[in-house]
Amino acid sequence: MSGSNRFLDTKHVTISGLGKIRVSGSQKRLFSHADSIRVGTITVRRDATGRYYLSMQLGSDVPFVDLGQNHESAIGIDLNTDNFLTDSDANVIANPRYYRAIKGKLAKQQRKLARRALRAKKEHRALRDSKNYQKQRVLVANLQRDVANRRDAFLHLLSTTLIKNHDLVVAEELRSKNMLRNHALAMSIADVGWRRFLGMLAYKADLYAHKFVTVDPRNTTQTCSDCGFVMSGDQKLTLADREWTCPQCGTIHIRDHNAARNILAKGLALN
């Protein structure tokens, strides 16, 4: 790497205007071809706990990852709230529900934070000068960051596995904004991180020279993936119908697996 903005070694980076900074992260795997890397835009961000994060736009004529081989395989994925996803090969990935795991503890600490804010207000002290409030604020922020980090680790592992092992990955277009209006599902939808997951699939497909597409989910649940019959009227499936039998061909379907097969079929029709 050359220029004023560059990594000095696996633990230090120099940035114009800031100088030499000690860092920890994923930069270590880049040093096998460090001389070919060009540094573009740099962003420094500080989170609620006081930690600083460095994002660098990098370019190189040498691939950042091992592209591996073509697998000549395609897969469709159905995102759902019961499980994180079900794919067209009938594999089911459980929903970790990271936020729900700490929901009670987080709520307790947030109430404590609110009490300390109220106390500071009554004593006419600015929150930035209230040591007890600031200590509690960092505790709450650490809990939230822990959930975000665990969820990100899960999403990164799963998205990389899907992209590396398939030449084509097909998912449904996400409409979670409308789904969030359903208060019964809102927490589950917000907890799984679907939008972030699809974003990871998109950029990793480019990184590994594979393909990722999204398709309209219309009728993917209601259509028999064997004969194409569409359930409608009184036959239309509800969220409670996890298994169903096609009235036309008699095929017994697992709801999410059937949807994933239809999603894959729509994606293959586009290619």
C-alpha atoms as a PDB file:
ATOM      1  CA  MET A   1       0.000   0.000   0.000  1.00  0.00           C
ATOM      2  CA  SER A   2       1.256   3.448  -0.845  1.00  0.00           C
ATOM      3  CA  GLY A   3       0.232   7.043  -0.065  1.00  0.00           C
ATOM      4  CA  SER A   4      -0.388   8.869   3.208  1.00  0.00           C
ATOM      5  CA  ASN A   5      -3.329   6.629   4.089  1.00  0.00           C
ATOM      6  CA  ARG A   6      -2.062   3.086   4.479  1.00  0.00           C
ATOM      7  CA  PHE A   7      -1.510   0.123   6.766  1.00  0.00           C
ATOM      8  CA  LEU A   8       1.962   0.058   8.269  1.00  0.00           C
ATOM      9  CA  ASP A   9       1.652  -3.523   9.489  1.00  0.00           C
ATOM     10  CA  THR A  10      -1.074  -5.876  10.726  1.00  0.00           C
ATOM     11  CA  LYS A  11      -1.711  -3.716  13.805  1.00  0.00           C
ATOM     12  CA  HIS A  12      -1.141  -0.135  12.725  1.00  0.00           C
ATOM     13  CA  VAL A  13      -2.510   2.266  10.121  1.00  0.00           C
ATOM     14  CA  THR A  14      -1.523   5.818   9.272  1.00  0.00           C
ATOM     15  CA  ILE A  15      -4.215   8.313   8.256  1.00  0.00           C
ATOM     16  CA  SER A  16      -3.652  11.796   6.896  1.00  0.00           C
ATOM     17  CA  GLY A  17      -4.394  14.332   9.635  1.00  0.00           C
ATOM     18  CA  LEU A  18      -4.533  11.710  12.395  1.00  0.00           C
ATOM     19  CA  GLY A  19      -1.186   9.978  12.108  1.00  0.00           C
ATOM     20  CA  LYS A  20      -0.364   6.477  13.299  1.00  0.00           C
ATOM     21  CA  ILE A  21      -3.244   4.523  14.888  1.00  0.00           C
ATOM     22  CA  ARG A  22      -3.322   1.067  16.441  1.00  0.00           C
ATOM     23  CA  VAL A  23      -6.147  -1.040  14.988  1.00  0.00           C
ATOM     24  CA  SER A  24      -7.676  -4.473  15.319  1.00  0.00           C
ATOM     25  CA  GLY A  25      -9.851  -6.148  12.703  1.00  0.00           C
ATOM     26  CA  SER A  26      -9.948  -8.013   9.419  1.00  0.00           C
ATOM     27  CA  GLN A  27      -7.044  -6.182   7.779  1.00  0.00           C
ATOM     28  CA  LYS A  28      -4.613  -8.997   8.620  1.00  0.00           C
ATOM     29  CA  ARG A  29      -5.822 -11.183   5.745  1.00  0.00           C
ATOM     30  CA  LEU A  30      -5.004  -8.422   3.233  1.00  0.00           C
ATOM     31  CA  PHE A  31      -1.253  -8.433   3.777  1.00  0.00           C
ATOM     32  CA  SER A  32      -0.610 -11.357   1.459  1.00  0.00           C
ATOM     33  CA  HIS A  33      -0.998  -8.875  -1.426  1.00  0.00           C
ATOM     34  CA  ALA A  34      -0.714  -5.530   0.374  1.00  0.00           C
ATOM     35  CA  ASP A  35       1.449  -3.938  -2.344  1.00  0.00           C
ATOM     36  CA  SER A  36      -1.400  -4.139  -4.867  1.00  0.00           C
ATOM     37  CA  ILE A  37      -4.043  -2.468  -2.675  1.00  0.00           C
ATOM     38  CA  ARG A  38      -5.162   1.119  -3.275  1.00  0.00           C
ATOM     39  CA  VAL A  39      -6.848   3.103  -0.491  1.00  0.00           C
ATOM     40  CA  GLY A  40      -9.860   5.258  -1.374  1.00  0.00           C
ATOM     41  CA  THR A  41     -12.440   6.875   0.904  1.00  0.00           C
ATOM     42  CA  ILE A  42     -11.874   6.578   4.661  1.00  0.00           C
ATOM     43  CA  THR A  43     -14.628   6.898   7.257  1.00  0.00           C
ATOM     44  CA  VAL A  44     -14.061   7.107  11.018  1.00  0.00           C
ATOM     45  CA  ARG A  45     -17.118   6.431  13.195  1.00  0.00           C
ATOM     46  CA  ARG A  46     -17.602   6.560  16.965  1.00  0.00           C
ATOM     47  CA  ASP A  47     -20.344   4.435  18.542  1.00  0.00           C
ATOM     48  CA  ALA A  48     -22.400   5.037  21.696  1.00  0.00           C
ATOM     49  CA  THR A  49     -19.883   3.191  23.885  1.00  0.00           C
ATOM     50  CA  GLY A  50     -17.000   5.422  22.820  1.00  0.00           C
ATOM     51  CA  ARG A  51     -15.340   2.925  20.496  1.00  0.00           C
ATOM     52  CA  TYR A  52     -13.998   4.103  17.134  1.00  0.00           C
ATOM     53  CA  TYR A  53     -14.444   2.177  13.875  1.00  0.00           C
ATOM     54  CA  LEU A  54     -12.469   2.682  10.694  1.00  0.00           C
ATOM     55  CA  SER A  55     -13.936   1.906   7.266  1.00  0.00           C
ATOM     56  CA  MET A  56     -11.682   2.034   4.207  1.00  0.00           C
ATOM     57  CA  GLN A  57     -12.638   1.766   0.555  1.00  0.00           C
ATOM     58  CA  LEU A  58     -10.012  -0.499  -0.985  1.00  0.00           C
ATOM     59  CA  GLY A  59      -9.215  -1.409  -4.571  1.00  0.00           C
ATOM     60  CA  SER A  60      -6.927  -4.061  -6.022  1.00  0.00           C
ATOM     61  CA  ASP A  61      -6.185  -5.832  -9.290  1.00  0.00           C
ATOM     62  CA  VAL A  62      -5.807  -9.018  -7.263  1.00  0.00           C
ATOM     63  CA  PRO A  63      -9.049 -10.610  -5.887  1.00  0.00           C
ATOM     64  CA  PHE A  64      -9.534 -10.080  -2.155  1.00  0.00           C
ATOM     65  CA  VAL A  65     -10.891 -13.620  -1.795  1.00  0.00           C
ATOM     66  CA  ASP A  66     -10.225 -17.002  -3.338  1.00  0.00           C
ATOM     67  CA  LEU A  67     -12.928 -17.285  -5.995  1.00  0.00           C
ATOM     68  CA  GLY A  68     -12.793 -21.072  -5.864  1.00  0.00           C
ATOM     69  CA  GLN A  69     -14.656 -23.151  -8.413  1.00  0.00           C
ATOM     70  CA  ASN A  70     -18.076 -23.012 -10.041  1.00  0.00           C
ATOM     71  CA  HIS A  71     -20.505 -25.394  -8.377  1.00  0.00           C
ATOM     72  CA  GLU A  72     -23.139 -25.414 -11.120  1.00  0.00           C
ATOM     73  CA  SER A  73     -25.789 -25.178  -8.421  1.00  0.00           C
ATOM     74  CA  ALA A  74     -28.591 -22.776  -7.587  1.00  0.00           C
ATOM     75  CA  ILE A  75     -30.640 -22.357  -4.440  1.00  0.00           C
ATOM     76  CA  GLY A  76     -33.768 -20.489  -3.418  1.00  0.00           C
ATOM     77  CA  ILE A  77     -34.304 -19.190   0.115  1.00  0.00           C
ATOM     78  CA  ASP A  78     -37.530 -18.355   1.914  1.00  0.00           C
ATOM     79  CA  LEU A  79     -37.175 -15.968   4.857  1.00  0.00           C
ATOM     80  CA  ASN A  80     -39.640 -16.528   7.673  1.00  0.00           C
ATOM     81  CA  THR A  81     -40.145 -15.721  11.333  1.00  0.00           C
ATOM     82  CA  ASP A  82     -40.497 -19.276  12.666  1.00  0.00           C
ATOM     83  CA  ASN A  83     -37.018 -20.086  11.335  1.00  0.00           C
ATOM     84  CA  PHE A  84     -34.504 -17.677   9.884  1.00  0.00           C
ATOM     85  CA  LEU A  85     -34.742 -19.322   6.480  1.00  0.00           C
ATOM     86  CA  THR A  86     -35.660 -22.502   4.641  1.00  0.00           C
ATOM     87  CA  ASP A  87     -33.938 -23.274   1.346  1.00  0.00           C
ATOM     88  CA  SER A  88     -35.085 -25.147  -1.747  1.00  0.00           C
ATOM     89  CA  ASP A  89     -33.046 -28.191  -0.663  1.00  0.00           C
ATOM     90  CA  ALA A  90     -35.212 -28.401   2.496  1.00  0.00           C
ATOM     91  CA  ASN A  91     -32.440 -27.174   4.813  1.00  0.00           C
ATOM     92  CA  VAL A  92     -33.745 -25.129   7.736  1.00  0.00           C
ATOM     93  CA  ILE A  93     -31.671 -22.472   9.533  1.00  0.00           C
ATOM     94  CA  ALA A  94     -32.975 -21.674  13.014  1.00  0.00           C
ATOM     95  CA  ASN A  95     -33.644 -18.104  14.089  1.00  0.00           C
ATOM     96  CA  PRO A  96     -31.137 -17.210  16.857  1.00  0.00           C
ATOM     97  CA  ARG A  97     -33.426 -14.462  18.255  1.00  0.00           C
ATOM     98  CA  TYR A  98     -30.528 -12.548  19.790  1.00  0.00           C
ATOM     99  CA  TYR A  99     -32.617  -9.553  20.879  1.00  0.00           C
ATOM    100  CA  ARG A 100     -35.272 -11.675  22.574  1.00  0.00           C
ATOM    101  CA  ALA A 101     -32.543 -13.397  24.587  1.00  0.00           C
ATOM    102  CA  ILE A 102     -31.646 -10.136  26.378  1.00  0.00           C
ATOM    103  CA  LYS A 103     -34.989  -8.340  26.106  1.00  0.00           C
ATOM    104  CA  GLY A 104     -35.749  -8.586  29.843  1.00  0.00           C
ATOM    105  CA  LYS A 105     -32.252  -7.600  30.952  1.00  0.00           C
ATOM    106  CA  LEU A 106     -32.118  -4.696  28.484  1.00  0.00           C
ATOM    107  CA  ALA A 107     -35.525  -3.373  29.586  1.00  0.00           C
ATOM    108  CA  LYS A 108     -34.419  -3.447  33.228  1.00  0.00           C
ATOM    109  CA  GLN A 109     -31.236  -1.503  32.481  1.00  0.00           C
ATOM    110  CA  GLN A 110     -33.112   1.009  30.296  1.00  0.00           C
ATOM    111  CA  ARG A 111     -35.539   1.715  33.153  1.00  0.00           C
ATOM    112  CA  LYS A 112     -32.569   2.298  35.433  1.00  0.00           C
ATOM    113  CA  LEU A 113     -31.126   4.684  32.829  1.00  0.00           C
ATOM    114  CA  ALA A 114     -34.415   6.604  32.683  1.00  0.00           C
ATOM    115  CA  ARG A 115     -34.471   6.966  36.488  1.00  0.00           C
ATOM    116  CA  ARG A 116     -30.939   8.364  36.523  1.00  0.00           C
ATOM    117  CA  ALA A 117     -31.833  10.821  33.754  1.00  0.00           C
ATOM    118  CA  LEU A 118     -34.858  11.981  35.772  1.00  0.00           C
ATOM    119  CA  ARG A 119     -32.761  12.365  38.909  1.00  0.00           C
ATOM    120  CA  ALA A 120     -30.179  14.475  37.063  1.00  0.00           C
ATOM    121  CA  LYS A 121     -32.947  16.655  35.657  1.00  0.00           C
ATOM    122  CA  LYS A 122     -34.458  17.217  39.107  1.00  0.00           C
ATOM    123  CA  GLU A 123     -31.025  18.190  40.421  1.00  0.00           C
ATOM    124  CA  HIS A 124     -30.522  20.544  37.443  1.00  0.00           C
ATOM    125  CA  ARG A 125     -27.426  18.682  36.252  1.00  0.00           C
ATOM    126  CA  ALA A 126     -26.580  18.220  32.573  1.00  0.00           C
ATOM    127  CA  LEU A 127     -26.596  14.543  31.565  1.00  0.00           C
ATOM    128  CA  ARG A 128     -23.058  14.820  30.219  1.00  0.00           C
ATOM    129  CA  ASP A 129     -21.928  15.788  33.743  1.00  0.00           C
ATOM    130  CA  SER A 130     -23.827  13.005  35.525  1.00  0.00           C
ATOM    131  CA  LYS A 131     -21.342  10.185  36.102  1.00  0.00           C
ATOM    132  CA  ASN A 132     -23.999   7.686  37.181  1.00  0.00           C
ATOM    133  CA  TYR A 133     -26.102   8.413  34.090  1.00  0.00           C
ATOM    134  CA  GLN A 134     -23.121   8.137  31.741  1.00  0.00           C
ATOM    135  CA  LYS A 135     -22.002   4.877  33.345  1.00  0.00           C
ATOM    136  CA  GLN A 136     -25.498   3.408  32.896  1.00  0.00           C
ATOM    137  CA  ARG A 137     -25.754   4.753  29.325  1.00  0.00           C
ATOM    138  CA  VAL A 138     -22.571   2.914  28.351  1.00  0.00           C
ATOM    139  CA  LEU A 139     -23.853  -0.283  30.002  1.00  0.00           C
ATOM    140  CA  VAL A 140     -27.056  -0.153  27.921  1.00  0.00           C
ATOM    141  CA  ALA A 141     -25.089   0.658  24.763  1.00  0.00           C
ATOM    142  CA  ASN A 142     -22.784  -2.318  25.395  1.00  0.00           C
ATOM    143  CA  LEU A 143     -25.769  -4.655  25.661  1.00  0.00           C
ATOM    144  CA  GLN A 144     -27.152  -3.372  22.372  1.00  0.00           C
ATOM    145  CA  ARG A 145     -23.760  -3.603  20.684  1.00  0.00           C
ATOM    146  CA  ASP A 146     -23.314  -7.191  21.873  1.00  0.00           C
ATOM    147  CA  VAL A 147     -26.614  -8.173  20.245  1.00  0.00           C
ATOM    148  CA  ALA A 148     -25.679  -6.364  17.021  1.00  0.00           C
ATOM    149  CA  ASN A 149     -22.241  -8.011  16.891  1.00  0.00           C
ATOM    150  CA  ARG A 150     -23.613 -11.514  17.492  1.00  0.00           C
ATOM    151  CA  ARG A 151     -26.300 -11.019  14.856  1.00  0.00           C
ATOM    152  CA  ASP A 152     -23.748  -9.683  12.355  1.00  0.00           C
ATOM    153  CA  ALA A 153     -21.441 -12.660  12.947  1.00  0.00           C
ATOM    154  CA  PHE A 154     -24.330 -15.038  12.269  1.00  0.00           C
ATOM    155  CA  LEU A 155     -25.416 -13.165   9.128  1.00  0.00           C
ATOM    156  CA  HIS A 156     -21.865 -12.985   7.756  1.00  0.00           C
ATOM    157  CA  LEU A 157     -21.237 -16.704   8.255  1.00  0.00           C
ATOM    158  CA  LEU A 158     -24.530 -17.734   6.663  1.00  0.00           C
ATOM    159  CA  SER A 159     -24.354 -15.317   3.711  1.00  0.00           C
ATOM    160  CA  THR A 160     -20.763 -16.270   2.898  1.00  0.00           C
ATOM    161  CA  THR A 161     -21.615 -19.992   3.031  1.00  0.00           C
ATOM    162  CA  LEU A 162     -24.567 -19.569   0.663  1.00  0.00           C
ATOM    163  CA  ILE A 163     -22.681 -17.457  -1.869  1.00  0.00           C
ATOM    164  CA  LYS A 164     -19.484 -19.539  -1.866  1.00  0.00           C
ATOM    165  CA  ASN A 165     -21.337 -22.833  -2.355  1.00  0.00           C
ATOM    166  CA  HIS A 166     -23.833 -21.779  -5.046  1.00  0.00           C
ATOM    167  CA  ASP A 167     -23.456 -20.042  -8.396  1.00  0.00           C
ATOM    168  CA  LEU A 168     -26.948 -18.578  -8.058  1.00  0.00           C
ATOM    169  CA  VAL A 169     -28.813 -17.593  -4.883  1.00  0.00           C
ATOM    170  CA  VAL A 170     -32.424 -16.429  -5.203  1.00  0.00           C
ATOM    171  CA  ALA A 171     -34.381 -14.675  -2.446  1.00  0.00           C
ATOM    172  CA  GLU A 172     -37.701 -12.902  -2.228  1.00  0.00           C
ATOM    173  CA  GLU A 173     -37.902  -9.118  -2.479  1.00  0.00           C
ATOM    174  CA  LEU A 174     -38.086  -7.813   1.058  1.00  0.00           C
ATOM    175  CA  ARG A 175     -41.172  -5.923   2.131  1.00  0.00           C
ATOM    176  CA  SER A 176     -40.459  -5.779   5.847  1.00  0.00           C
ATOM    177  CA  LYS A 177     -41.522  -2.109   6.107  1.00  0.00           C
ATOM    178  CA  ASN A 178     -45.117  -3.097   5.486  1.00  0.00           C
ATOM    179  CA  MET A 179     -44.770  -6.236   7.630  1.00  0.00           C
ATOM    180  CA  LEU A 180     -43.530  -4.175  10.578  1.00  0.00           C
ATOM    181  CA  ARG A 181     -46.978  -2.599  10.762  1.00  0.00           C
ATOM    182  CA  ASN A 182     -48.178  -5.970  12.050  1.00  0.00           C
ATOM    183  CA  HIS A 183     -47.400  -5.456  15.747  1.00  0.00           C
ATOM    184  CA  ALA A 184     -47.615  -9.196  16.431  1.00  0.00           C
ATOM    185  CA  LEU A 185     -44.674  -9.795  14.065  1.00  0.00           C
ATOM    186  CA  ALA A 186     -42.774  -6.514  14.423  1.00  0.00           C
ATOM    187  CA  MET A 187     -40.269  -7.682  17.054  1.00  0.00           C
ATOM    188  CA  SER A 188     -39.525 -10.951  15.243  1.00  0.00           C
ATOM    189  CA  ILE A 189     -38.967  -9.155  11.930  1.00  0.00           C
ATOM    190  CA  ALA A 190     -36.757  -6.453  13.435  1.00  0.00           C
ATOM    191  CA  ASP A 191     -34.731  -9.070  15.332  1.00  0.00           C
ATOM    192  CA  VAL A 192     -33.722 -11.262  12.377  1.00  0.00           C
ATOM    193  CA  GLY A 193     -31.986  -8.574  10.293  1.00  0.00           C
ATOM    194  CA  TRP A 194     -33.348  -9.665   6.919  1.00  0.00           C
ATOM    195  CA  ARG A 195     -32.488  -6.449   5.063  1.00  0.00           C
ATOM    196  CA  ARG A 196     -28.887  -6.530   6.249  1.00  0.00           C
ATOM    197  CA  PHE A 197     -28.670 -10.197   5.309  1.00  0.00           C
ATOM    198  CA  LEU A 198     -29.844  -9.548   1.736  1.00  0.00           C
ATOM    199  CA  GLY A 199     -27.368  -6.681   1.469  1.00  0.00           C
ATOM    200  CA  MET A 200     -24.557  -9.054   2.461  1.00  0.00           C
ATOM    201  CA  LEU A 201     -25.663 -11.593  -0.150  1.00  0.00           C
ATOM    202  CA  ALA A 202     -25.640  -8.877  -2.829  1.00  0.00           C
ATOM    203  CA  TYR A 203     -22.114  -7.577  -2.256  1.00  0.00           C
ATOM    204  CA  LYS A 204     -20.635 -11.015  -1.558  1.00  0.00           C
ATOM    205  CA  ALA A 205     -22.053 -12.321  -4.831  1.00  0.00           C
ATOM    206  CA  ASP A 206     -20.046  -9.614  -6.607  1.00  0.00           C
ATOM    207  CA  LEU A 207     -17.001 -10.388  -4.479  1.00  0.00           C
ATOM    208  CA  TYR A 208     -17.069 -14.109  -5.348  1.00  0.00           C
ATOM    209  CA  ALA A 209     -18.185 -13.574  -8.973  1.00  0.00           C
ATOM    210  CA  HIS A 210     -21.443 -15.435  -8.342  1.00  0.00           C
ATOM    211  CA  LYS A 211     -25.021 -14.258  -8.857  1.00  0.00           C
ATOM    212  CA  PHE A 212     -27.684 -13.133  -6.413  1.00  0.00           C
ATOM    213  CA  VAL A 213     -31.182 -12.051  -7.471  1.00  0.00           C
ATOM    214  CA  THR A 214     -34.431 -11.194  -5.718  1.00  0.00           C
ATOM    215  CA  VAL A 215     -37.877 -12.016  -7.082  1.00  0.00           C
ATOM    216  CA  ASP A 216     -41.451 -10.932  -6.442  1.00  0.00           C
ATOM    217  CA  PRO A 217     -42.768 -13.200  -3.637  1.00  0.00           C
ATOM    218  CA  ARG A 218     -46.337 -13.039  -4.960  1.00  0.00           C
ATOM    219  CA  ASN A 219     -48.011 -16.481  -4.642  1.00  0.00           C
ATOM    220  CA  THR A 220     -44.760 -18.295  -3.809  1.00  0.00           C
ATOM    221  CA  THR A 221     -46.446 -19.642  -0.684  1.00  0.00           C
ATOM    222  CA  GLN A 222     -49.806 -20.372  -2.297  1.00  0.00           C
ATOM    223  CA  THR A 223     -48.489 -22.152  -5.430  1.00  0.00           C
ATOM    224  CA  CYS A 224     -47.809 -25.898  -5.643  1.00  0.00           C
ATOM    225  CA  SER A 225     -44.186 -26.224  -6.723  1.00  0.00           C
ATOM    226  CA  ASP A 226     -44.979 -29.561  -8.413  1.00  0.00           C
ATOM    227  CA  CYS A 227     -47.988 -28.804 -10.620  1.00  0.00           C
ATOM    228  CA  GLY A 228     -48.379 -25.014 -10.402  1.00  0.00           C
ATOM    229  CA  PHE A 229     -51.863 -25.004  -8.843  1.00  0.00           C
ATOM    230  CA  VAL A 230     -52.547 -21.745  -6.934  1.00  0.00           C
ATOM    231  CA  MET A 231     -54.524 -21.896  -3.702  1.00  0.00           C
ATOM    232  CA  SER A 232     -57.228 -19.210  -3.593  1.00  0.00           C
ATOM    233  CA  GLY A 233     -60.571 -18.353  -2.028  1.00  0.00           C
ATOM    234  CA  ASP A 234     -61.487 -20.642   0.859  1.00  0.00           C
ATOM    235  CA  GLN A 235     -58.453 -22.819   0.055  1.00  0.00           C
ATOM    236  CA  LYS A 236     -55.969 -19.982   0.541  1.00  0.00           C
ATOM    237  CA  LEU A 237     -53.321 -20.798   3.139  1.00  0.00           C
ATOM    238  CA  THR A 238     -52.993 -18.824   6.360  1.00  0.00           C
ATOM    239  CA  LEU A 239     -49.904 -18.320   8.532  1.00  0.00           C
ATOM    240  CA  ALA A 240     -51.080 -21.219  10.685  1.00  0.00           C
ATOM    241  CA  ASP A 241     -50.932 -23.679   7.766  1.00  0.00           C
ATOM    242  CA  ARG A 242     -47.400 -25.084   8.000  1.00  0.00           C
ATOM    243  CA  GLU A 243     -48.174 -28.227   5.958  1.00  0.00           C
ATOM    244  CA  TRP A 244     -50.727 -28.620   3.191  1.00  0.00           C
ATOM    245  CA  THR A 245     -51.771 -30.956   0.407  1.00  0.00           C
ATOM    246  CA  CYS A 246     -52.234 -29.744  -3.148  1.00  0.00           C
ATOM    247  CA  PRO A 247     -55.888 -30.405  -4.121  1.00  0.00           C
ATOM    248  CA  GLN A 248     -54.885 -30.894  -7.764  1.00  0.00           C
ATOM    249  CA  CYS A 249     -51.914 -33.272  -7.694  1.00  0.00           C
ATOM    250  CA  GLY A 250     -52.068 -34.520  -4.078  1.00  0.00           C
ATOM    251  CA  THR A 251     -48.470 -33.513  -3.240  1.00  0.00           C
ATOM    252  CA  ILE A 252     -47.892 -32.889   0.472  1.00  0.00           C
ATOM    253  CA  HIS A 253     -45.929 -29.688   1.060  1.00  0.00           C
ATOM    254  CA  ILE A 254     -43.976 -28.165   3.914  1.00  0.00           C
ATOM    255  CA  ARG A 255     -45.004 -24.533   3.557  1.00  0.00           C
ATOM    256  CA  ASP A 256     -41.577 -22.836   3.652  1.00  0.00           C
ATOM    257  CA  HIS A 257     -39.799 -25.493   1.591  1.00  0.00           C
ATOM    258  CA  ASN A 258     -42.460 -25.208  -1.101  1.00  0.00           C
ATOM    259  CA  ALA A 259     -42.093 -21.409  -1.105  1.00  0.00           C
ATOM    260  CA  ALA A 260     -38.295 -21.689  -1.458  1.00  0.00           C
ATOM    261  CA  ARG A 261     -38.708 -23.998  -4.472  1.00  0.00           C
ATOM    262  CA  ASN A 262     -41.047 -21.486  -6.114  1.00  0.00           C
ATOM    263  CA  ILE A 263     -38.630 -18.651  -5.378  1.00  0.00           C
ATOM    264  CA  LEU A 264     -35.828 -20.622  -7.031  1.00  0.00           C
ATOM    265  CA  ALA A 265     -38.007 -21.317 -10.069  1.00  0.00           C
ATOM    266  CA  LYS A 266     -38.725 -17.600 -10.479  1.00  0.00           C
ATOM    267  CA  GLY A 267     -35.024 -16.798 -10.218  1.00  0.00           C
ATOM    268  CA  LEU A 268     -34.055 -19.435 -12.790  1.00  0.00           C
ATOM    269  CA  ALA A 269     -36.667 -18.003 -15.187  1.00  0.00           C
ATOM    270  CA  LEU A 270     -34.814 -14.679 -15.091  1.00  0.00           C
ATOM    271  CA  ASN A 271     -31.480 -16.218 -16.133  1.00  0.00           C
END
